[in-house]
Amino acid sequence: MRTRWPWIAMLLSTIILVSPIGTEVLHDAFFSGEQLSRSIAQPVAFIGFAILTSICVIEWLVRSIISKRRARGATV
């Protein structure tokens, strides 16, 4: 592990957002012409954003902990 950057979670997030289901949810939440569709899809989109962001933060924390342990070295 050379970097603490959460590239796995960010790649997963990008794939999810670019997938047909992700783009449909984003379109319904923010660009739909119907108020009912926007009202239903916006909470789903915001919850999805929160989940993907928390996954990135968790991966960053795990990578930071592992990096600090490797830098400290093996103790007996």
PDB file of N, CA and C in Angstrom:
ATOM      1  N   MET A   1       0.847  -1.165   0.000  1.00  0.00           N
ATOM      2  CA  MET A   1       0.000   0.000   0.000  1.00  0.00           C
ATOM      3  C   MET A   1       0.898   1.235   0.000  1.00  0.00           C
ATOM      4  N   ARG A   2       0.846   1.969  -1.064  1.00  0.00           N
ATOM      5  CA  ARG A   2       1.730   3.119  -1.206  1.00  0.00           C
ATOM      6  C   ARG A   2       1.048   4.437  -0.858  1.00  0.00           C
ATOM      7  N   THR A   3      -0.261   4.474  -0.910  1.00  0.00           N
ATOM      8  CA  THR A   3      -0.959   5.733  -0.684  1.00  0.00           C
ATOM      9  C   THR A   3      -2.122   5.533   0.287  1.00  0.00           C
ATOM     10  N   ARG A   4      -2.499   6.617   0.945  1.00  0.00           N
ATOM     11  CA  ARG A   4      -3.652   6.564   1.844  1.00  0.00           C
ATOM     12  C   ARG A   4      -4.942   6.939   1.121  1.00  0.00           C
ATOM     13  N   TRP A   5      -4.831   7.328  -0.125  1.00  0.00           N
ATOM     14  CA  TRP A   5      -5.982   7.764  -0.895  1.00  0.00           C
ATOM     15  C   TRP A   5      -6.954   6.596  -1.096  1.00  0.00           C
ATOM     16  N   PRO A   6      -8.248   6.787  -0.827  1.00  0.00           N
ATOM     17  CA  PRO A   6      -9.221   5.686  -0.935  1.00  0.00           C
ATOM     18  C   PRO A   6      -9.643   5.431  -2.377  1.00  0.00           C
ATOM     19  N   TRP A   7      -8.732   4.950  -3.198  1.00  0.00           N
ATOM     20  CA  TRP A   7      -9.010   4.814  -4.613  1.00  0.00           C
ATOM     21  C   TRP A   7      -9.990   3.685  -4.911  1.00  0.00           C
ATOM     22  N   ILE A   8     -10.043   2.649  -4.095  1.00  0.00           N
ATOM     23  CA  ILE A   8     -10.972   1.551  -4.353  1.00  0.00           C
ATOM     24  C   ILE A   8     -12.410   2.026  -4.166  1.00  0.00           C
ATOM     25  N   ALA A   9     -12.672   2.717  -3.067  1.00  0.00           N
ATOM     26  CA  ALA A   9     -14.018   3.226  -2.801  1.00  0.00           C
ATOM     27  C   ALA A   9     -14.417   4.293  -3.811  1.00  0.00           C
ATOM     28  N   MET A  10     -13.473   5.123  -4.219  1.00  0.00           N
ATOM     29  CA  MET A  10     -13.792   6.159  -5.199  1.00  0.00           C
ATOM     30  C   MET A  10     -14.082   5.554  -6.569  1.00  0.00           C
ATOM     31  N   LEU A  11     -13.367   4.514  -6.924  1.00  0.00           N
ATOM     32  CA  LEU A  11     -13.635   3.818  -8.178  1.00  0.00           C
ATOM     33  C   LEU A  11     -15.011   3.162  -8.130  1.00  0.00           C
ATOM     34  N   LEU A  12     -15.337   2.527  -7.021  1.00  0.00           N
ATOM     35  CA  LEU A  12     -16.655   1.917  -6.852  1.00  0.00           C
ATOM     36  C   LEU A  12     -17.752   2.977  -6.925  1.00  0.00           C
ATOM     37  N   SER A  13     -17.541   4.114  -6.289  1.00  0.00           N
ATOM     38  CA  SER A  13     -18.525   5.205  -6.320  1.00  0.00           C
ATOM     39  C   SER A  13     -18.739   5.714  -7.740  1.00  0.00           C
ATOM     40  N   THR A  14     -17.664   5.875  -8.481  1.00  0.00           N
ATOM     41  CA  THR A  14     -17.765   6.347  -9.859  1.00  0.00           C
ATOM     42  C   THR A  14     -18.520   5.354 -10.729  1.00  0.00           C
ATOM     43  N   ILE A  15     -18.231   4.073 -10.555  1.00  0.00           N
ATOM     44  CA  ILE A  15     -18.924   3.046 -11.331  1.00  0.00           C
ATOM     45  C   ILE A  15     -20.414   3.057 -11.016  1.00  0.00           C
ATOM     46  N   ILE A  16     -20.754   3.202  -9.743  1.00  0.00           N
ATOM     47  CA  ILE A  16     -22.166   3.226  -9.355  1.00  0.00           C
ATOM     48  C   ILE A  16     -22.868   4.448  -9.929  1.00  0.00           C
ATOM     49  N   LEU A  17     -22.226   5.617  -9.878  1.00  0.00           N
ATOM     50  CA  LEU A  17     -22.862   6.830 -10.382  1.00  0.00           C
ATOM     51  C   LEU A  17     -22.985   6.861 -11.900  1.00  0.00           C
ATOM     52  N   VAL A  18     -22.089   6.184 -12.608  1.00  0.00           N
ATOM     53  CA  VAL A  18     -22.114   6.193 -14.067  1.00  0.00           C
ATOM     54  C   VAL A  18     -22.996   5.072 -14.624  1.00  0.00           C
ATOM     55  N   SER A  19     -23.343   4.098 -13.779  1.00  0.00           N
ATOM     56  CA  SER A  19     -24.183   2.992 -14.237  1.00  0.00           C
ATOM     57  C   SER A  19     -25.558   3.521 -14.645  1.00  0.00           C
ATOM     58  N   PRO A  20     -26.292   2.748 -15.428  1.00  0.00           N
ATOM     59  CA  PRO A  20     -27.622   3.214 -15.864  1.00  0.00           C
ATOM     60  C   PRO A  20     -28.572   3.513 -14.696  1.00  0.00           C
ATOM     61  N   ILE A  21     -28.516   2.720 -13.649  1.00  0.00           N
ATOM     62  CA  ILE A  21     -29.383   2.963 -12.492  1.00  0.00           C
ATOM     63  C   ILE A  21     -28.970   4.253 -11.785  1.00  0.00           C
ATOM     64  N   GLY A  22     -27.672   4.472 -11.621  1.00  0.00           N
ATOM     65  CA  GLY A  22     -27.185   5.681 -10.964  1.00  0.00           C
ATOM     66  C   GLY A  22     -27.533   6.943 -11.733  1.00  0.00           C
ATOM     67  N   THR A  23     -27.351   6.909 -13.039  1.00  0.00           N
ATOM     68  CA  THR A  23     -27.683   8.098 -13.829  1.00  0.00           C
ATOM     69  C   THR A  23     -29.186   8.346 -13.833  1.00  0.00           C
ATOM     70  N   GLU A  24     -29.977   7.289 -13.797  1.00  0.00           N
ATOM     71  CA  GLU A  24     -31.432   7.463 -13.740  1.00  0.00           C
ATOM     72  C   GLU A  24     -31.869   8.088 -12.419  1.00  0.00           C
ATOM     73  N   VAL A  25     -31.276   7.644 -11.320  1.00  0.00           N
ATOM     74  CA  VAL A  25     -31.607   8.232 -10.016  1.00  0.00           C
ATOM     75  C   VAL A  25     -31.180   9.706  -9.979  1.00  0.00           C
ATOM     76  N   LEU A  26     -29.993  10.011 -10.478  1.00  0.00           N
ATOM     77  CA  LEU A  26     -29.538  11.402 -10.509  1.00  0.00           C
ATOM     78  C   LEU A  26     -30.440  12.277 -11.386  1.00  0.00           C
ATOM     79  N   HIS A  27     -30.838  11.747 -12.520  1.00  0.00           N
ATOM     80  CA  HIS A  27     -31.717  12.503 -13.406  1.00  0.00           C
ATOM     81  C   HIS A  27     -33.069  12.738 -12.740  1.00  0.00           C
ATOM     82  N   ASP A  28     -33.637  11.687 -12.137  1.00  0.00           N
ATOM     83  CA  ASP A  28     -34.931  11.838 -11.476  1.00  0.00           C
ATOM     84  C   ASP A  28     -34.850  12.784 -10.279  1.00  0.00           C
ATOM     85  N   ALA A  29     -33.737  12.779  -9.585  1.00  0.00           N
ATOM     86  CA  ALA A  29     -33.625  13.587  -8.377  1.00  0.00           C
ATOM     87  C   ALA A  29     -33.416  15.070  -8.677  1.00  0.00           C
ATOM     88  N   PHE A  30     -32.721  15.394  -9.734  1.00  0.00           N
ATOM     89  CA  PHE A  30     -32.335  16.783  -9.938  1.00  0.00           C
ATOM     90  C   PHE A  30     -32.799  17.405 -11.258  1.00  0.00           C
ATOM     91  N   PHE A  31     -33.102  16.603 -12.251  1.00  0.00           N
ATOM     92  CA  PHE A  31     -33.416  17.164 -13.557  1.00  0.00           C
ATOM     93  C   PHE A  31     -34.802  16.792 -14.073  1.00  0.00           C
ATOM     94  N   SER A  32     -35.582  16.105 -13.276  1.00  0.00           N
ATOM     95  CA  SER A  32     -36.897  15.675 -13.714  1.00  0.00           C
ATOM     96  C   SER A  32     -37.851  16.858 -13.777  1.00  0.00           C
ATOM     97  N   GLY A  33     -38.784  16.790 -14.716  1.00  0.00           N
ATOM     98  CA  GLY A  33     -39.768  17.850 -14.859  1.00  0.00           C
ATOM     99  C   GLY A  33     -40.927  17.716 -13.893  1.00  0.00           C
ATOM    100  N   GLU A  34     -41.053  16.568 -13.247  1.00  0.00           N
ATOM    101  CA  GLU A  34     -42.172  16.338 -12.334  1.00  0.00           C
ATOM    102  C   GLU A  34     -41.726  16.522 -10.895  1.00  0.00           C
ATOM    103  N   GLN A  35     -42.488  17.262 -10.127  1.00  0.00           N
ATOM    104  CA  GLN A  35     -42.164  17.511  -8.728  1.00  0.00           C
ATOM    105  C   GLN A  35     -42.235  16.233  -7.906  1.00  0.00           C
ATOM    106  N   LEU A  36     -43.202  15.369  -8.178  1.00  0.00           N
ATOM    107  CA  LEU A  36     -43.343  14.124  -7.421  1.00  0.00           C
ATOM    108  C   LEU A  36     -42.124  13.234  -7.602  1.00  0.00           C
ATOM    109  N   SER A  37     -41.616  13.140  -8.819  1.00  0.00           N
ATOM    110  CA  SER A  37     -40.430  12.334  -9.091  1.00  0.00           C
ATOM    111  C   SER A  37     -39.208  12.884  -8.365  1.00  0.00           C
ATOM    112  N   ARG A  38     -39.058  14.217  -8.375  1.00  0.00           N
ATOM    113  CA  ARG A  38     -37.938  14.834  -7.651  1.00  0.00           C
ATOM    114  C   ARG A  38     -38.061  14.621  -6.155  1.00  0.00           C
ATOM    115  N   SER A  39     -39.277  14.733  -5.624  1.00  0.00           N
ATOM    116  CA  SER A  39     -39.493  14.577  -4.188  1.00  0.00           C
ATOM    117  C   SER A  39     -39.187  13.156  -3.717  1.00  0.00           C
ATOM    118  N   ILE A  40     -39.431  12.185  -4.551  1.00  0.00           N
ATOM    119  CA  ILE A  40     -39.163  10.796  -4.181  1.00  0.00           C
ATOM    120  C   ILE A  40     -37.691  10.452  -4.361  1.00  0.00           C
ATOM    121  N   ALA A  41     -37.081  10.930  -5.420  1.00  0.00           N
ATOM    122  CA  ALA A  41     -35.721  10.516  -5.752  1.00  0.00           C
ATOM    123  C   ALA A  41     -34.633  11.296  -5.018  1.00  0.00           C
ATOM    124  N   GLN A  42     -34.902  12.515  -4.579  1.00  0.00           N
ATOM    125  CA  GLN A  42     -33.866  13.296  -3.907  1.00  0.00           C
ATOM    126  C   GLN A  42     -33.396  12.666  -2.598  1.00  0.00           C
ATOM    127  N   PRO A  43     -34.286  12.204  -1.712  1.00  0.00           N
ATOM    128  CA  PRO A  43     -33.774  11.540  -0.507  1.00  0.00           C
ATOM    129  C   PRO A  43     -32.975  10.278  -0.814  1.00  0.00           C
ATOM    130  N   VAL A  44     -33.382   9.550  -1.828  1.00  0.00           N
ATOM    131  CA  VAL A  44     -32.639   8.348  -2.230  1.00  0.00           C
ATOM    132  C   VAL A  44     -31.243   8.728  -2.710  1.00  0.00           C
ATOM    133  N   ALA A  45     -31.156   9.783  -3.499  1.00  0.00           N
ATOM    134  CA  ALA A  45     -29.854  10.232  -4.004  1.00  0.00           C
ATOM    135  C   ALA A  45     -28.966  10.734  -2.875  1.00  0.00           C
ATOM    136  N   PHE A  46     -29.521  11.507  -1.950  1.00  0.00           N
ATOM    137  CA  PHE A  46     -28.721  12.033  -0.839  1.00  0.00           C
ATOM    138  C   PHE A  46     -28.261  10.924   0.098  1.00  0.00           C
ATOM    139  N   ILE A  47     -29.095   9.939   0.343  1.00  0.00           N
ATOM    140  CA  ILE A  47     -28.687   8.798   1.169  1.00  0.00           C
ATOM    141  C   ILE A  47     -27.587   8.015   0.468  1.00  0.00           C
ATOM    142  N   GLY A  48     -27.716   7.843  -0.853  1.00  0.00           N
ATOM    143  CA  GLY A  48     -26.667   7.164  -1.614  1.00  0.00           C
ATOM    144  C   GLY A  48     -25.350   7.914  -1.567  1.00  0.00           C
ATOM    145  N   PHE A  49     -25.400   9.238  -1.704  1.00  0.00           N
ATOM    146  CA  PHE A  49     -24.184  10.048  -1.594  1.00  0.00           C
ATOM    147  C   PHE A  49     -23.548   9.897  -0.220  1.00  0.00           C
ATOM    148  N   ALA A  50     -24.384   9.902   0.821  1.00  0.00           N
ATOM    149  CA  ALA A  50     -23.868   9.767   2.190  1.00  0.00           C
ATOM    150  C   ALA A  50     -23.217   8.401   2.403  1.00  0.00           C
ATOM    151  N   ILE A  51     -23.816   7.364   1.866  1.00  0.00           N
ATOM    152  CA  ILE A  51     -23.238   6.024   2.007  1.00  0.00           C
ATOM    153  C   ILE A  51     -21.913   5.925   1.271  1.00  0.00           C
ATOM    154  N   LEU A  52     -21.857   6.417   0.041  1.00  0.00           N
ATOM    155  CA  LEU A  52     -20.616   6.350  -0.730  1.00  0.00           C
ATOM    156  C   LEU A  52     -19.521   7.200  -0.092  1.00  0.00           C
ATOM    157  N   THR A  53     -19.871   8.352   0.447  1.00  0.00           N
ATOM    158  CA  THR A  53     -18.894   9.197   1.125  1.00  0.00           C
ATOM    159  C   THR A  53     -18.378   8.531   2.391  1.00  0.00           C
ATOM    160  N   SER A  54     -19.268   7.907   3.159  1.00  0.00           N
ATOM    161  CA  SER A  54     -18.827   7.233   4.383  1.00  0.00           C
ATOM    162  C   SER A  54     -17.939   6.033   4.075  1.00  0.00           C
ATOM    163  N   ILE A  55     -18.193   5.346   2.986  1.00  0.00           N
ATOM    164  CA  ILE A  55     -17.318   4.240   2.585  1.00  0.00           C
ATOM    165  C   ILE A  55     -15.923   4.761   2.256  1.00  0.00           C
ATOM    166  N   CYS A  56     -15.842   5.899   1.568  1.00  0.00           N
ATOM    167  CA  CYS A  56     -14.536   6.499   1.261  1.00  0.00           C
ATOM    168  C   CYS A  56     -13.803   6.901   2.539  1.00  0.00           C
ATOM    169  N   VAL A  57     -14.513   7.479   3.493  1.00  0.00           N
ATOM    170  CA  VAL A  57     -13.889   7.899   4.750  1.00  0.00           C
ATOM    171  C   VAL A  57     -13.400   6.689   5.535  1.00  0.00           C
ATOM    172  N   ILE A  58     -14.190   5.629   5.572  1.00  0.00           N
ATOM    173  CA  ILE A  58     -13.780   4.412   6.283  1.00  0.00           C
ATOM    174  C   ILE A  58     -12.537   3.809   5.646  1.00  0.00           C
ATOM    175  N   GLU A  59     -12.504   3.761   4.308  1.00  0.00           N
ATOM    176  CA  GLU A  59     -11.318   3.220   3.640  1.00  0.00           C
ATOM    177  C   GLU A  59     -10.088   4.083   3.934  1.00  0.00           C
ATOM    178  N   TRP A  60     -10.253   5.404   3.932  1.00  0.00           N
ATOM    179  CA  TRP A  60      -9.131   6.289   4.239  1.00  0.00           C
ATOM    180  C   TRP A  60      -8.625   6.053   5.656  1.00  0.00           C
ATOM    181  N   LEU A  61      -9.543   5.894   6.628  1.00  0.00           N
ATOM    182  CA  LEU A  61      -9.129   5.640   8.007  1.00  0.00           C
ATOM    183  C   LEU A  61      -8.384   4.317   8.144  1.00  0.00           C
ATOM    184  N   VAL A  62      -8.883   3.278   7.496  1.00  0.00           N
ATOM    185  CA  VAL A  62      -8.213   1.971   7.555  1.00  0.00           C
ATOM    186  C   VAL A  62      -6.830   2.053   6.935  1.00  0.00           C
ATOM    187  N   ARG A  63      -6.727   2.723   5.792  1.00  0.00           N
ATOM    188  CA  ARG A  63      -5.416   2.870   5.155  1.00  0.00           C
ATOM    189  C   ARG A  63      -4.459   3.685   6.022  1.00  0.00           C
ATOM    190  N   SER A  64      -4.961   4.691   6.717  1.00  0.00           N
ATOM    191  CA  SER A  64      -4.111   5.485   7.604  1.00  0.00           C
ATOM    192  C   SER A  64      -3.602   4.646   8.769  1.00  0.00           C
ATOM    193  N   ILE A  65      -4.469   3.853   9.358  1.00  0.00           N
ATOM    194  CA  ILE A  65      -4.068   2.991  10.477  1.00  0.00           C
ATOM    195  C   ILE A  65      -3.033   1.969  10.030  1.00  0.00           C
ATOM    196  N   ILE A  66      -3.253   1.354   8.891  1.00  0.00           N
ATOM    197  CA  ILE A  66      -2.299   0.358   8.383  1.00  0.00           C
ATOM    198  C   ILE A  66      -0.965   1.017   8.065  1.00  0.00           C
ATOM    199  N   SER A  67      -1.005   2.207   7.474  1.00  0.00           N
ATOM    200  CA  SER A  67       0.230   2.907   7.136  1.00  0.00           C
ATOM    201  C   SER A  67       1.030   3.263   8.393  1.00  0.00           C
ATOM    202  N   LYS A  68       0.358   3.715   9.428  1.00  0.00           N
ATOM    203  CA  LYS A  68       1.044   4.045  10.678  1.00  0.00           C
ATOM    204  C   LYS A  68       1.640   2.808  11.332  1.00  0.00           C
ATOM    205  N   ARG A  69       0.941   1.703  11.282  1.00  0.00           N
ATOM    206  CA  ARG A  69       1.472   0.468  11.867  1.00  0.00           C
ATOM    207  C   ARG A  69       2.688  -0.038  11.099  1.00  0.00           C
ATOM    208  N   ARG A  70       2.650   0.081   9.784  1.00  0.00           N
ATOM    209  CA  ARG A  70       3.809  -0.367   8.990  1.00  0.00           C
ATOM    210  C   ARG A  70       4.997   0.554   9.205  1.00  0.00           C
ATOM    211  N   ALA A  71       4.749   1.841   9.382  1.00  0.00           N
ATOM    212  CA  ALA A  71       5.842   2.782   9.605  1.00  0.00           C
ATOM    213  C   ALA A  71       6.492   2.563  10.978  1.00  0.00           C
ATOM    214  N   ARG A  72       5.696   2.153  11.929  1.00  0.00           N
ATOM    215  CA  ARG A  72       6.218   1.912  13.275  1.00  0.00           C
ATOM    216  C   ARG A  72       7.107   0.682  13.289  1.00  0.00           C
ATOM    217  N   GLY A  73       6.826  -0.284  12.448  1.00  0.00           N
ATOM    218  CA  GLY A  73       7.642  -1.493  12.382  1.00  0.00           C
ATOM    219  C   GLY A  73       7.118  -2.583  13.281  1.00  0.00           C
ATOM    220  N   ALA A  74       7.698  -3.749  13.118  1.00  0.00           N
ATOM    221  CA  ALA A  74       7.261  -4.911  13.895  1.00  0.00           C
ATOM    222  C   ALA A  74       7.900  -4.869  15.288  1.00  0.00           C
ATOM    223  N   THR A  75       7.067  -5.007  16.300  1.00  0.00           N
ATOM    224  CA  THR A  75       7.568  -5.064  17.663  1.00  0.00           C
ATOM    225  C   THR A  75       7.280  -6.440  18.238  1.00  0.00           C
ATOM    226  N   VAL A  76       8.191  -6.881  19.083  1.00  0.00           N
ATOM    227  CA  VAL A  76       8.034  -8.220  19.664  1.00  0.00           C
ATOM    228  C   VAL A  76       7.538  -8.126  21.070  1.00  0.00           C
TER     229      VAL A  76
END
